[in-house]
PDB file of N, CA and C in Angstrom:
ATOM      1  N   MET A   1     -74.504   6.987  -5.863  1.00  0.00           N
ATOM      2  CA  MET A   1     -73.536   5.948  -6.174  1.00  0.00           C
ATOM      3  C   MET A   1     -72.813   6.242  -7.500  1.00  0.00           C
ATOM      4  N   LYS A   2     -73.583   6.759  -8.462  1.00  0.00           N
ATOM      5  CA  LYS A   2     -73.005   7.065  -9.755  1.00  0.00           C
ATOM      6  C   LYS A   2     -71.970   8.185  -9.640  1.00  0.00           C
ATOM      7  N   LYS A   3     -72.250   9.180  -8.788  1.00  0.00           N
ATOM      8  CA  LYS A   3     -71.319  10.293  -8.604  1.00  0.00           C
ATOM      9  C   LYS A   3     -70.009   9.815  -7.982  1.00  0.00           C
ATOM     10  N   ALA A   4     -70.104   8.874  -7.054  1.00  0.00           N
ATOM     11  CA  ALA A   4     -68.907   8.351  -6.399  1.00  0.00           C
ATOM     12  C   ALA A   4     -68.006   7.644  -7.413  1.00  0.00           C
ATOM     13  N   LYS A   5     -68.586   6.872  -8.314  1.00  0.00           N
ATOM     14  CA  LYS A   5     -67.802   6.164  -9.335  1.00  0.00           C
ATOM     15  C   LYS A   5     -67.126   7.155 -10.283  1.00  0.00           C
ATOM     16  N   ILE A   6     -67.847   8.198 -10.649  1.00  0.00           N
ATOM     17  CA  ILE A   6     -67.283   9.208 -11.549  1.00  0.00           C
ATOM     18  C   ILE A   6     -66.125   9.925 -10.865  1.00  0.00           C
ATOM     19  N   LEU A   7     -66.300  10.281  -9.589  1.00  0.00           N
ATOM     20  CA  LEU A   7     -65.232  10.950  -8.853  1.00  0.00           C
ATOM     21  C   LEU A   7     -64.005  10.054  -8.710  1.00  0.00           C
ATOM     22  N   MET A   8     -64.216   8.781  -8.439  1.00  0.00           N
ATOM     23  CA  MET A   8     -63.091   7.846  -8.297  1.00  0.00           C
ATOM     24  C   MET A   8     -62.343   7.702  -9.620  1.00  0.00           C
ATOM     25  N   ALA A   9     -63.079   7.575 -10.722  1.00  0.00           N
ATOM     26  CA  ALA A   9     -62.449   7.429 -12.033  1.00  0.00           C
ATOM     27  C   ALA A   9     -61.654   8.681 -12.394  1.00  0.00           C
ATOM     28  N   THR A  10     -62.221   9.850 -12.119  1.00  0.00           N
ATOM     29  CA  THR A  10     -61.529  11.101 -12.401  1.00  0.00           C
ATOM     30  C   THR A  10     -60.251  11.210 -11.573  1.00  0.00           C
ATOM     31  N   GLY A  11     -60.327  10.862 -10.302  1.00  0.00           N
ATOM     32  CA  GLY A  11     -59.162  10.904  -9.426  1.00  0.00           C
ATOM     33  C   GLY A  11     -58.069   9.961  -9.886  1.00  0.00           C
ATOM     34  N   MET A  12     -58.450   8.770 -10.359  1.00  0.00           N
ATOM     35  CA  MET A  12     -57.458   7.797 -10.828  1.00  0.00           C
ATOM     36  C   MET A  12     -56.737   8.320 -12.067  1.00  0.00           C
ATOM     37  N   PHE A  13     -57.468   8.925 -12.991  1.00  0.00           N
ATOM     38  CA  PHE A  13     -56.834   9.484 -14.190  1.00  0.00           C
ATOM     39  C   PHE A  13     -55.888  10.618 -13.828  1.00  0.00           C
ATOM     40  N   PHE A  14     -56.294  11.443 -12.876  1.00  0.00           N
ATOM     41  CA  PHE A  14     -55.453  12.554 -12.435  1.00  0.00           C
ATOM     42  C   PHE A  14     -54.152  12.032 -11.826  1.00  0.00           C
ATOM     43  N   LEU A  15     -54.257  11.047 -10.934  1.00  0.00           N
ATOM     44  CA  LEU A  15     -53.061  10.491 -10.298  1.00  0.00           C
ATOM     45  C   LEU A  15     -52.145   9.804 -11.308  1.00  0.00           C
ATOM     46  N   ALA A  16     -52.723   9.074 -12.253  1.00  0.00           N
ATOM     47  CA  ALA A  16     -51.914   8.407 -13.274  1.00  0.00           C
ATOM     48  C   ALA A  16     -51.164   9.434 -14.114  1.00  0.00           C
ATOM     49  N   GLY A  17     -51.796  10.524 -14.450  1.00  0.00           N
ATOM     50  CA  GLY A  17     -51.148  11.587 -15.216  1.00  0.00           C
ATOM     51  C   GLY A  17     -50.010  12.223 -14.447  1.00  0.00           C
ATOM     52  N   MET A  18     -50.185  12.412 -13.161  1.00  0.00           N
ATOM     53  CA  MET A  18     -49.128  12.991 -12.327  1.00  0.00           C
ATOM     54  C   MET A  18     -47.924  12.062 -12.263  1.00  0.00           C
ATOM     55  N   MET A  19     -48.164  10.764 -12.148  1.00  0.00           N
ATOM     56  CA  MET A  19     -47.070   9.806 -12.053  1.00  0.00           C
ATOM     57  C   MET A  19     -46.249   9.788 -13.337  1.00  0.00           C
ATOM     58  N   PHE A  20     -46.898   9.780 -14.493  1.00  0.00           N
ATOM     59  CA  PHE A  20     -46.170   9.750 -15.756  1.00  0.00           C
ATOM     60  C   PHE A  20     -45.384  11.031 -15.981  1.00  0.00           C
ATOM     61  N   THR A  21     -45.945  12.143 -15.593  1.00  0.00           N
ATOM     62  CA  THR A  21     -45.252  13.412 -15.749  1.00  0.00           C
ATOM     63  C   THR A  21     -44.010  13.466 -14.875  1.00  0.00           C
ATOM     64  N   ALA A  22     -44.113  13.016 -13.643  1.00  0.00           N
ATOM     65  CA  ALA A  22     -42.983  13.050 -12.720  1.00  0.00           C
ATOM     66  C   ALA A  22     -41.869  12.121 -13.187  1.00  0.00           C
ATOM     67  N   CYS A  23     -42.208  10.945 -13.646  1.00  0.00           N
ATOM     68  CA  CYS A  23     -41.184   9.989 -14.081  1.00  0.00           C
ATOM     69  C   CYS A  23     -40.445  10.478 -15.311  1.00  0.00           C
ATOM     70  N   GLY A  24     -41.136  11.070 -16.246  1.00  0.00           N
ATOM     71  CA  GLY A  24     -40.505  11.510 -17.480  1.00  0.00           C
ATOM     72  C   GLY A  24     -39.510  12.634 -17.273  1.00  0.00           C
ATOM     73  N   SER A  25     -39.816  13.584 -16.424  1.00  0.00           N
ATOM     74  CA  SER A  25     -38.930  14.732 -16.257  1.00  0.00           C
ATOM     75  C   SER A  25     -37.735  14.394 -15.374  1.00  0.00           C
ATOM     76  N   GLU A  26     -37.896  13.496 -14.430  1.00  0.00           N
ATOM     77  CA  GLU A  26     -36.802  13.175 -13.506  1.00  0.00           C
ATOM     78  C   GLU A  26     -35.649  12.483 -14.220  1.00  0.00           C
ATOM     79  N   GLY A  27     -35.948  11.557 -15.112  1.00  0.00           N
ATOM     80  CA  GLY A  27     -34.904  10.820 -15.812  1.00  0.00           C
ATOM     81  C   GLY A  27     -34.047  11.690 -16.704  1.00  0.00           C
ATOM     82  N   THR A  28     -34.652  12.671 -17.350  1.00  0.00           N
ATOM     83  CA  THR A  28     -33.881  13.515 -18.262  1.00  0.00           C
ATOM     84  C   THR A  28     -32.902  14.403 -17.522  1.00  0.00           C
ATOM     85  N   GLU A  29     -33.299  14.936 -16.388  1.00  0.00           N
ATOM     86  CA  GLU A  29     -32.396  15.806 -15.631  1.00  0.00           C
ATOM     87  C   GLU A  29     -31.162  15.033 -15.182  1.00  0.00           C
ATOM     88  N   THR A  30     -31.369  13.812 -14.714  1.00  0.00           N
ATOM     89  CA  THR A  30     -30.249  13.007 -14.238  1.00  0.00           C
ATOM     90  C   THR A  30     -29.292  12.700 -15.380  1.00  0.00           C
ATOM     91  N   GLN A  31     -29.807  12.360 -16.556  1.00  0.00           N
ATOM     92  CA  GLN A  31     -28.946  12.061 -17.697  1.00  0.00           C
ATOM     93  C   GLN A  31     -28.176  13.292 -18.139  1.00  0.00           C
ATOM     94  N   GLU A  32     -28.818  14.455 -18.138  1.00  0.00           N
ATOM     95  CA  GLU A  32     -28.131  15.684 -18.546  1.00  0.00           C
ATOM     96  C   GLU A  32     -27.024  16.036 -17.572  1.00  0.00           C
ATOM     97  N   GLN A  33     -27.277  15.890 -16.273  1.00  0.00           N
ATOM     98  CA  GLN A  33     -26.263  16.219 -15.278  1.00  0.00           C
ATOM     99  C   GLN A  33     -25.068  15.291 -15.411  1.00  0.00           C
ATOM    100  N   THR A  34     -25.315  14.004 -15.638  1.00  0.00           N
ATOM    101  CA  THR A  34     -24.232  13.045 -15.782  1.00  0.00           C
ATOM    102  C   THR A  34     -23.413  13.353 -17.034  1.00  0.00           C
ATOM    103  N   ALA A  35     -24.076  13.690 -18.133  1.00  0.00           N
ATOM    104  CA  ALA A  35     -23.373  13.976 -19.376  1.00  0.00           C
ATOM    105  C   ALA A  35     -22.507  15.236 -19.245  1.00  0.00           C
ATOM    106  N   GLU A  36     -22.963  16.222 -18.511  1.00  0.00           N
ATOM    107  CA  GLU A  36     -22.206  17.462 -18.367  1.00  0.00           C
ATOM    108  C   GLU A  36     -20.938  17.264 -17.538  1.00  0.00           C
ATOM    109  N   LYS A  37     -20.954  16.363 -16.586  1.00  0.00           N
ATOM    110  CA  LYS A  37     -19.836  16.189 -15.668  1.00  0.00           C
ATOM    111  C   LYS A  37     -18.737  15.295 -16.224  1.00  0.00           C
ATOM    112  N   ALA A  38     -19.008  14.522 -17.258  1.00  0.00           N
ATOM    113  CA  ALA A  38     -18.026  13.579 -17.775  1.00  0.00           C
ATOM    114  C   ALA A  38     -16.999  14.290 -18.653  1.00  0.00           C
ATOM    115  N   VAL A  39     -15.828  14.555 -18.083  1.00  0.00           N
ATOM    116  CA  VAL A  39     -14.720  15.174 -18.815  1.00  0.00           C
ATOM    117  C   VAL A  39     -13.501  14.279 -18.604  1.00  0.00           C
ATOM    118  N   TYR A  40     -12.834  13.943 -19.686  1.00  0.00           N
ATOM    119  CA  TYR A  40     -11.701  13.017 -19.631  1.00  0.00           C
ATOM    120  C   TYR A  40     -10.403  13.733 -19.983  1.00  0.00           C
ATOM    121  N   GLN A  41      -9.305  13.251 -19.374  1.00  0.00           N
ATOM    122  CA  GLN A  41      -7.992  13.834 -19.634  1.00  0.00           C
ATOM    123  C   GLN A  41      -6.935  12.749 -19.460  1.00  0.00           C
ATOM    124  N   CYS A  42      -5.822  12.900 -20.159  1.00  0.00           N
ATOM    125  CA  CYS A  42      -4.705  11.967 -20.045  1.00  0.00           C
ATOM    126  C   CYS A  42      -4.092  12.091 -18.647  1.00  0.00           C
ATOM    127  N   PRO A  43      -3.834  10.984 -17.963  1.00  0.00           N
ATOM    128  CA  PRO A  43      -3.227  11.059 -16.628  1.00  0.00           C
ATOM    129  C   PRO A  43      -1.796  11.604 -16.660  1.00  0.00           C
ATOM    130  N   MET A  44      -1.111  11.524 -17.810  1.00  0.00           N
ATOM    131  CA  MET A  44       0.253  12.035 -17.942  1.00  0.00           C
ATOM    132  C   MET A  44       0.261  13.501 -18.391  1.00  0.00           C
ATOM    133  N   ASP A  45      -0.919  14.056 -18.728  1.00  0.00           N
ATOM    134  CA  ASP A  45      -1.067  15.442 -19.178  1.00  0.00           C
ATOM    135  C   ASP A  45      -0.156  15.742 -20.376  1.00  0.00           C
ATOM    136  N   CYS A  46      -0.153  14.837 -21.332  1.00  0.00           N
ATOM    137  CA  CYS A  46       0.696  14.972 -22.525  1.00  0.00           C
ATOM    138  C   CYS A  46       0.375  16.206 -23.358  1.00  0.00           C
ATOM    139  N   GLU A  47      -0.888  16.605 -23.377  1.00  0.00           N
ATOM    140  CA  GLU A  47      -1.308  17.693 -24.256  1.00  0.00           C
ATOM    141  C   GLU A  47      -1.608  18.976 -23.479  1.00  0.00           C
ATOM    142  N   ASP A  48      -0.934  19.171 -22.360  1.00  0.00           N
ATOM    143  CA  ASP A  48      -1.037  20.400 -21.565  1.00  0.00           C
ATOM    144  C   ASP A  48      -2.475  20.793 -21.226  1.00  0.00           C
ATOM    145  N   GLY A  49      -3.208  19.885 -20.596  1.00  0.00           N
ATOM    146  CA  GLY A  49      -4.550  20.198 -20.105  1.00  0.00           C
ATOM    147  C   GLY A  49      -5.679  19.981 -21.084  1.00  0.00           C
ATOM    148  N   LYS A  50      -5.427  19.406 -22.246  1.00  0.00           N
ATOM    149  CA  LYS A  50      -6.498  19.163 -23.212  1.00  0.00           C
ATOM    150  C   LYS A  50      -7.465  18.142 -22.628  1.00  0.00           C
ATOM    151  N   THR A  51      -8.766  18.396 -22.789  1.00  0.00           N
ATOM    152  CA  THR A  51      -9.789  17.488 -22.278  1.00  0.00           C
ATOM    153  C   THR A  51     -10.626  16.932 -23.421  1.00  0.00           C
ATOM    154  N   TYR A  52     -11.290  15.827 -23.128  1.00  0.00           N
ATOM    155  CA  TYR A  52     -12.126  15.141 -24.105  1.00  0.00           C
ATOM    156  C   TYR A  52     -13.491  14.879 -23.497  1.00  0.00           C
ATOM    157  N   GLU A  53     -14.520  14.826 -24.336  1.00  0.00           N
ATOM    158  CA  GLU A  53     -15.878  14.558 -23.870  1.00  0.00           C
ATOM    159  C   GLU A  53     -16.193  13.064 -23.858  1.00  0.00           C
ATOM    160  N   GLU A  54     -15.394  12.256 -24.527  1.00  0.00           N
ATOM    161  CA  GLU A  54     -15.626  10.812 -24.580  1.00  0.00           C
ATOM    162  C   GLU A  54     -14.404  10.084 -24.049  1.00  0.00           C
ATOM    163  N   GLU A  55     -14.657   8.910 -23.435  1.00  0.00           N
ATOM    164  CA  GLU A  55     -13.507   8.158 -22.953  1.00  0.00           C
ATOM    165  C   GLU A  55     -12.807   7.480 -24.128  1.00  0.00           C
ATOM    166  N   GLY A  56     -11.561   7.139 -23.928  1.00  0.00           N
ATOM    167  CA  GLY A  56     -10.758   6.528 -24.981  1.00  0.00           C
ATOM    168  C   GLY A  56      -9.307   6.506 -24.549  1.00  0.00           C
ATOM    169  N   GLN A  57      -8.413   6.672 -25.511  1.00  0.00           N
ATOM    170  CA  GLN A  57      -6.980   6.661 -25.222  1.00  0.00           C
ATOM    171  C   GLN A  57      -6.346   7.974 -25.670  1.00  0.00           C
ATOM    172  N   CYS A  58      -5.269   8.333 -24.982  1.00  0.00           N
ATOM    173  CA  CYS A  58      -4.509   9.523 -25.348  1.00  0.00           C
ATOM    174  C   CYS A  58      -3.858   9.263 -26.707  1.00  0.00           C
ATOM    175  N   PRO A  59      -3.963  10.215 -27.643  1.00  0.00           N
ATOM    176  CA  PRO A  59      -3.364  10.011 -28.959  1.00  0.00           C
ATOM    177  C   PRO A  59      -1.829   9.992 -28.933  1.00  0.00           C
ATOM    178  N   LEU A  60      -1.214  10.544 -27.897  1.00  0.00           N
ATOM    179  CA  LEU A  60       0.252  10.597 -27.839  1.00  0.00           C
ATOM    180  C   LEU A  60       0.850   9.386 -27.114  1.00  0.00           C
ATOM    181  N   CYS A  61       0.427   9.151 -25.872  1.00  0.00           N
ATOM    182  CA  CYS A  61       1.039   8.073 -25.092  1.00  0.00           C
ATOM    183  C   CYS A  61       0.187   6.807 -25.048  1.00  0.00           C
ATOM    184  N   GLU A  62      -1.039   6.862 -25.583  1.00  0.00           N
ATOM    185  CA  GLU A  62      -1.965   5.746 -25.673  1.00  0.00           C
ATOM    186  C   GLU A  62      -2.413   5.187 -24.321  1.00  0.00           C
ATOM    187  N   MET A  63      -2.315   5.991 -23.256  1.00  0.00           N
ATOM    188  CA  MET A  63      -2.866   5.598 -21.962  1.00  0.00           C
ATOM    189  C   MET A  63      -4.371   5.867 -21.973  1.00  0.00           C
ATOM    190  N   ASP A  64      -5.113   5.125 -21.144  1.00  0.00           N
ATOM    191  CA  ASP A  64      -6.550   5.351 -21.043  1.00  0.00           C
ATOM    192  C   ASP A  64      -6.821   6.706 -20.411  1.00  0.00           C
ATOM    193  N   LEU A  65      -7.757   7.458 -21.011  1.00  0.00           N
ATOM    194  CA  LEU A  65      -8.139   8.739 -20.460  1.00  0.00           C
ATOM    195  C   LEU A  65      -8.903   8.504 -19.164  1.00  0.00           C
ATOM    196  N   GLN A  66      -8.746   9.410 -18.194  1.00  0.00           N
ATOM    197  CA  GLN A  66      -9.406   9.295 -16.905  1.00  0.00           C
ATOM    198  C   GLN A  66     -10.365  10.453 -16.706  1.00  0.00           C
ATOM    199  N   VAL A  67     -11.442  10.187 -15.951  1.00  0.00           N
ATOM    200  CA  VAL A  67     -12.421  11.213 -15.646  1.00  0.00           C
ATOM    201  C   VAL A  67     -11.806  12.231 -14.692  1.00  0.00           C
ATOM    202  N   ILE A  68     -12.022  13.516 -14.972  1.00  0.00           N
ATOM    203  CA  ILE A  68     -11.532  14.574 -14.091  1.00  0.00           C
ATOM    204  C   ILE A  68     -12.729  15.433 -13.664  1.00  0.00           C
ATOM    205  N   ASP A  69     -12.594  16.144 -12.556  1.00  0.00           N
ATOM    206  CA  ASP A  69     -13.626  17.065 -12.108  1.00  0.00           C
ATOM    207  C   ASP A  69     -13.479  18.360 -12.875  1.00  0.00           C
ATOM    208  N   ALA A  70     -14.575  18.773 -13.490  1.00  0.00           N
ATOM    209  CA  ALA A  70     -14.516  19.999 -14.297  1.00  0.00           C
ATOM    210  C   ALA A  70     -14.973  21.205 -13.519  1.00  0.00           C
TER     211      ALA A  70
END
């Protein structure tokens, strides 16, 4: 009976460790992929293809920058 309790406790710790490891690594990959894809550009192309990493307004025409596929 004592061996069964020890085996169950060991198995629970192992499973808990696997769950925490999986959750931690999955979130970071998704955030990195999203950050890499976000490229903004003026819809009027005032600056001949200049892109920005953050959203905001075009410094020339003051239109909102739009996300483009990089």
